[in-house]
Amino acid sequence: MPDMLVPLLKLPALEPILQEMRAQGIVIRRAHSFEITLVRAFILSEFGDGWADEITPCYNRQPITLYIALKAGELVGFGAYEATRRNFFGPTGVAKAERGQGIGKALLVACLQGMLEMGYAYGVIGGAGPVAFYEKTVGAAVIPDSVPGIYTDMIRRD
């Protein structure tokens, strides 16, 4: 999967997206440090230990570089930035039963806005899966010759 470059200065406005989510009963907010165990358990359950490990550095940053999505107080999604590398978005994921409601878009834009607030003009989406989604939602462009990118020579997870 290729890496993508996002022009952070051209992001859609975040507040209307957050209001739309709230109207659906979904809260998008920055994670708190006292939620590490709950967030890791959700990610382990839904996405595996690799992503649960990958978000760990987010809790060592101030502000925390992890957003979560809650529905009726239950964790249904997450989005991270500055986790694997500086100026990288991801990993991110939404529980299967909750997909198709705009949660992924809201988490993406919230994280990218966080990167903009840190002073970045462009952001990197490493190993982007849904390329068309990122192109349409935030104007991301594939970085030529970016495969395999940073995810090489990995420890085998059996």
C-alpha atoms as a PDB file:
ATOM      1  CA  MET A   1       0.000   0.000   0.000  1.00  0.00           C
ATOM      2  CA  PRO A   2       1.383   3.422  -0.899  1.00  0.00           C
ATOM      3  CA  ASP A   3       2.004   6.365   1.374  1.00  0.00           C
ATOM      4  CA  MET A   4      -0.046   9.499   0.726  1.00  0.00           C
ATOM      5  CA  LEU A   5       0.574  13.212   1.212  1.00  0.00           C
ATOM      6  CA  VAL A   6      -2.186  15.439   2.613  1.00  0.00           C
ATOM      7  CA  PRO A   7      -2.283  19.246   2.193  1.00  0.00           C
ATOM      8  CA  LEU A   8      -3.251  20.153   5.765  1.00  0.00           C
ATOM      9  CA  LEU A   9      -3.937  23.795   4.884  1.00  0.00           C
ATOM     10  CA  LYS A  10      -6.904  22.663   2.761  1.00  0.00           C
ATOM     11  CA  LEU A  11      -8.697  20.420   5.266  1.00  0.00           C
ATOM     12  CA  PRO A  12     -12.481  20.498   5.610  1.00  0.00           C
ATOM     13  CA  ALA A  13     -13.742  22.361   8.679  1.00  0.00           C
ATOM     14  CA  LEU A  14     -13.796  20.076  11.719  1.00  0.00           C
ATOM     15  CA  GLU A  15     -16.574  21.634  13.803  1.00  0.00           C
ATOM     16  CA  PRO A  16     -19.459  20.862  11.414  1.00  0.00           C
ATOM     17  CA  ILE A  17     -18.261  17.255  11.203  1.00  0.00           C
ATOM     18  CA  LEU A  18     -18.162  16.957  15.004  1.00  0.00           C
ATOM     19  CA  GLN A  19     -21.643  18.488  15.275  1.00  0.00           C
ATOM     20  CA  GLU A  20     -22.975  16.022  12.698  1.00  0.00           C
ATOM     21  CA  MET A  21     -21.488  13.156  14.700  1.00  0.00           C
ATOM     22  CA  ARG A  22     -23.045  14.447  17.932  1.00  0.00           C
ATOM     23  CA  ALA A  23     -26.435  14.649  16.197  1.00  0.00           C
ATOM     24  CA  GLN A  24     -26.023  10.900  15.514  1.00  0.00           C
ATOM     25  CA  GLY A  25     -25.092  10.248  19.155  1.00  0.00           C
ATOM     26  CA  ILE A  26     -21.383   9.850  18.441  1.00  0.00           C
ATOM     27  CA  VAL A  27     -18.748  11.810  20.355  1.00  0.00           C
ATOM     28  CA  ILE A  28     -15.323  12.375  18.796  1.00  0.00           C
ATOM     29  CA  ARG A  29     -12.749  13.592  21.293  1.00  0.00           C
ATOM     30  CA  ARG A  30      -9.123  13.378  22.299  1.00  0.00           C
ATOM     31  CA  ALA A  31      -8.306  10.329  24.442  1.00  0.00           C
ATOM     32  CA  HIS A  32      -7.402  10.733  28.121  1.00  0.00           C
ATOM     33  CA  SER A  33      -4.372   9.131  29.746  1.00  0.00           C
ATOM     34  CA  PHE A  34      -6.524   7.281  32.270  1.00  0.00           C
ATOM     35  CA  GLU A  35      -8.202   5.380  29.403  1.00  0.00           C
ATOM     36  CA  ILE A  36      -5.114   3.591  28.086  1.00  0.00           C
ATOM     37  CA  THR A  37      -6.208   0.125  29.217  1.00  0.00           C
ATOM     38  CA  LEU A  38      -9.722   0.463  27.773  1.00  0.00           C
ATOM     39  CA  VAL A  39      -8.494   1.851  24.455  1.00  0.00           C
ATOM     40  CA  ARG A  40      -5.807  -0.813  24.090  1.00  0.00           C
ATOM     41  CA  ALA A  41      -8.346  -3.557  24.911  1.00  0.00           C
ATOM     42  CA  PHE A  42     -10.698  -2.251  22.202  1.00  0.00           C
ATOM     43  CA  ILE A  43      -7.912  -2.091  19.618  1.00  0.00           C
ATOM     44  CA  LEU A  44      -6.609  -5.549  20.585  1.00  0.00           C
ATOM     45  CA  SER A  45     -10.094  -6.988  20.215  1.00  0.00           C
ATOM     46  CA  GLU A  46     -11.003  -5.290  16.942  1.00  0.00           C
ATOM     47  CA  PHE A  47      -7.659  -4.849  15.163  1.00  0.00           C
ATOM     48  CA  GLY A  48      -4.906  -6.844  16.898  1.00  0.00           C
ATOM     49  CA  ASP A  49      -1.789  -6.325  18.941  1.00  0.00           C
ATOM     50  CA  GLY A  50       0.189  -4.517  16.233  1.00  0.00           C
ATOM     51  CA  TRP A  51      -2.113  -1.514  16.226  1.00  0.00           C
ATOM     52  CA  ALA A  52      -2.532  -1.631  20.007  1.00  0.00           C
ATOM     53  CA  ASP A  53       1.250  -1.358  20.306  1.00  0.00           C
ATOM     54  CA  GLU A  54       1.457   1.288  17.603  1.00  0.00           C
ATOM     55  CA  ILE A  55      -0.761   3.788  19.448  1.00  0.00           C
ATOM     56  CA  THR A  56       1.221   3.557  22.699  1.00  0.00           C
ATOM     57  CA  PRO A  57       3.502   6.557  21.930  1.00  0.00           C
ATOM     58  CA  CYS A  58       0.416   8.753  21.475  1.00  0.00           C
ATOM     59  CA  TYR A  59      -0.040   8.786  25.247  1.00  0.00           C
ATOM     60  CA  ASN A  60       3.482  10.129  25.779  1.00  0.00           C
ATOM     61  CA  ARG A  61       2.783  13.269  23.785  1.00  0.00           C
ATOM     62  CA  GLN A  62       1.201  16.473  25.019  1.00  0.00           C
ATOM     63  CA  PRO A  63      -1.439  16.881  23.914  1.00  0.00           C
ATOM     64  CA  ILE A  64      -2.214  13.182  23.474  1.00  0.00           C
ATOM     65  CA  THR A  65      -2.187  12.398  19.744  1.00  0.00           C
ATOM     66  CA  LEU A  66      -5.078   9.947  19.770  1.00  0.00           C
ATOM     67  CA  TYR A  67      -8.755  10.624  19.112  1.00  0.00           C
ATOM     68  CA  ILE A  68     -11.540   8.231  20.014  1.00  0.00           C
ATOM     69  CA  ALA A  69     -15.162   7.800  18.957  1.00  0.00           C
ATOM     70  CA  LEU A  70     -17.817   6.981  21.566  1.00  0.00           C
ATOM     71  CA  LYS A  71     -21.388   5.865  21.010  1.00  0.00           C
ATOM     72  CA  ALA A  72     -23.565   5.641  24.146  1.00  0.00           C
ATOM     73  CA  GLY A  73     -20.347   5.621  26.168  1.00  0.00           C
ATOM     74  CA  GLU A  74     -18.896   2.655  24.250  1.00  0.00           C
ATOM     75  CA  LEU A  75     -15.654   2.936  22.309  1.00  0.00           C
ATOM     76  CA  VAL A  76     -16.356   2.399  18.594  1.00  0.00           C
ATOM     77  CA  GLY A  77     -13.317   3.879  16.857  1.00  0.00           C
ATOM     78  CA  PHE A  78      -9.919   5.542  17.140  1.00  0.00           C
ATOM     79  CA  GLY A  79      -7.518   7.621  15.101  1.00  0.00           C
ATOM     80  CA  ALA A  80      -3.860   8.288  15.875  1.00  0.00           C
ATOM     81  CA  TYR A  81      -1.144  10.599  14.635  1.00  0.00           C
ATOM     82  CA  GLU A  82       2.525  10.997  15.538  1.00  0.00           C
ATOM     83  CA  ALA A  83       2.389   7.341  16.606  1.00  0.00           C
ATOM     84  CA  THR A  84       4.697   5.400  14.282  1.00  0.00           C
ATOM     85  CA  ARG A  85       6.622   8.358  12.891  1.00  0.00           C
ATOM     86  CA  ARG A  86       6.588  12.133  13.224  1.00  0.00           C
ATOM     87  CA  ASN A  87       4.051  13.743  10.891  1.00  0.00           C
ATOM     88  CA  PHE A  88       2.341  10.406  10.124  1.00  0.00           C
ATOM     89  CA  PHE A  89      -1.389   9.762  10.454  1.00  0.00           C
ATOM     90  CA  GLY A  90      -2.485   6.323  11.614  1.00  0.00           C
ATOM     91  CA  PRO A  91      -3.332   3.773  12.594  1.00  0.00           C
ATOM     92  CA  THR A  92      -7.075   4.300  12.612  1.00  0.00           C
ATOM     93  CA  GLY A  93     -10.061   2.019  12.784  1.00  0.00           C
ATOM     94  CA  VAL A  94     -13.805   1.819  13.366  1.00  0.00           C
ATOM     95  CA  ALA A  95     -15.625  -1.235  14.735  1.00  0.00           C
ATOM     96  CA  LYS A  96     -17.201  -3.231  11.888  1.00  0.00           C
ATOM     97  CA  ALA A  97     -20.741  -2.743  13.187  1.00  0.00           C
ATOM     98  CA  GLU A  98     -20.290   1.055  13.214  1.00  0.00           C
ATOM     99  CA  ARG A  99     -18.781   1.643   9.775  1.00  0.00           C
ATOM    100  CA  GLY A 100     -20.534   3.749   7.149  1.00  0.00           C
ATOM    101  CA  GLN A 101     -21.669   6.488   9.545  1.00  0.00           C
ATOM    102  CA  GLY A 102     -18.880   8.997   8.940  1.00  0.00           C
ATOM    103  CA  ILE A 103     -16.909   8.076  12.059  1.00  0.00           C
ATOM    104  CA  GLY A 104     -13.735   7.327  10.098  1.00  0.00           C
ATOM    105  CA  LYS A 105     -13.954  10.683   8.330  1.00  0.00           C
ATOM    106  CA  ALA A 106     -14.453  12.521  11.617  1.00  0.00           C
ATOM    107  CA  LEU A 107     -11.465  10.786  13.237  1.00  0.00           C
ATOM    108  CA  LEU A 108      -9.318  11.439  10.164  1.00  0.00           C
ATOM    109  CA  VAL A 109     -10.100  15.159  10.017  1.00  0.00           C
ATOM    110  CA  ALA A 110      -9.678  15.555  13.803  1.00  0.00           C
ATOM    111  CA  CYS A 111      -6.232  13.932  13.665  1.00  0.00           C
ATOM    112  CA  LEU A 112      -5.126  15.911  10.626  1.00  0.00           C
ATOM    113  CA  GLN A 113      -6.290  19.144  12.283  1.00  0.00           C
ATOM    114  CA  GLY A 114      -4.135  18.129  15.264  1.00  0.00           C
ATOM    115  CA  MET A 115      -1.169  17.791  12.923  1.00  0.00           C
ATOM    116  CA  LEU A 116      -1.901  21.221  11.445  1.00  0.00           C
ATOM    117  CA  GLU A 117      -2.010  22.684  14.970  1.00  0.00           C
ATOM    118  CA  MET A 118       1.479  21.223  15.550  1.00  0.00           C
ATOM    119  CA  GLY A 119       2.733  23.343  12.668  1.00  0.00           C
ATOM    120  CA  TYR A 120       2.801  20.872   9.796  1.00  0.00           C
ATOM    121  CA  ALA A 121       1.642  22.099   6.373  1.00  0.00           C
ATOM    122  CA  TYR A 122       1.507  18.566   4.928  1.00  0.00           C
ATOM    123  CA  GLY A 123       0.900  15.224   6.567  1.00  0.00           C
ATOM    124  CA  VAL A 124       1.756  11.655   5.590  1.00  0.00           C
ATOM    125  CA  ILE A 125      -0.638   8.726   5.625  1.00  0.00           C
ATOM    126  CA  GLY A 126       1.630   5.703   5.848  1.00  0.00           C
ATOM    127  CA  GLY A 127       0.612   2.516   4.056  1.00  0.00           C
ATOM    128  CA  ALA A 128      -2.758   3.988   3.093  1.00  0.00           C
ATOM    129  CA  GLY A 129      -5.386   1.305   2.597  1.00  0.00           C
ATOM    130  CA  PRO A 130      -8.460   3.072   1.221  1.00  0.00           C
ATOM    131  CA  VAL A 131      -6.643   5.380  -1.224  1.00  0.00           C
ATOM    132  CA  ALA A 132      -9.855   6.633  -2.895  1.00  0.00           C
ATOM    133  CA  PHE A 133     -11.354   7.544   0.504  1.00  0.00           C
ATOM    134  CA  TYR A 134      -8.321   9.646   1.454  1.00  0.00           C
ATOM    135  CA  GLU A 135      -8.230  11.313  -1.980  1.00  0.00           C
ATOM    136  CA  LYS A 136     -11.906  12.264  -1.788  1.00  0.00           C
ATOM    137  CA  THR A 137     -12.095  13.196   1.898  1.00  0.00           C
ATOM    138  CA  VAL A 138      -8.920  15.242   2.434  1.00  0.00           C
ATOM    139  CA  GLY A 139      -7.340  15.686  -1.009  1.00  0.00           C
ATOM    140  CA  ALA A 140      -4.517  13.237  -0.308  1.00  0.00           C
ATOM    141  CA  ALA A 141      -2.232  12.232  -3.161  1.00  0.00           C
ATOM    142  CA  VAL A 142      -0.240   9.036  -3.554  1.00  0.00           C
ATOM    143  CA  ILE A 143       3.493   9.554  -3.025  1.00  0.00           C
ATOM    144  CA  PRO A 144       5.295   7.952  -6.001  1.00  0.00           C
ATOM    145  CA  ASP A 145       7.622   5.039  -5.229  1.00  0.00           C
ATOM    146  CA  SER A 146       6.470   4.937  -1.592  1.00  0.00           C
ATOM    147  CA  VAL A 147       5.887   1.184  -1.486  1.00  0.00           C
ATOM    148  CA  PRO A 148       6.946  -0.566   0.732  1.00  0.00           C
ATOM    149  CA  GLY A 149       7.524   2.536   2.859  1.00  0.00           C
ATOM    150  CA  ILE A 150       8.363   2.286   6.560  1.00  0.00           C
ATOM    151  CA  TYR A 151       6.557  -1.001   7.129  1.00  0.00           C
ATOM    152  CA  THR A 152       9.416  -3.252   5.991  1.00  0.00           C
ATOM    153  CA  ASP A 153      11.467  -5.978   7.626  1.00  0.00           C
ATOM    154  CA  MET A 154       8.715  -6.554  10.177  1.00  0.00           C
ATOM    155  CA  ILE A 155       8.832  -9.119  12.972  1.00  0.00           C
ATOM    156  CA  ARG A 156       6.597 -12.001  11.961  1.00  0.00           C
ATOM    157  CA  ARG A 157       3.373 -12.188  13.998  1.00  0.00           C
ATOM    158  CA  ASP A 158       2.101 -15.766  14.063  1.00  0.00           C
END
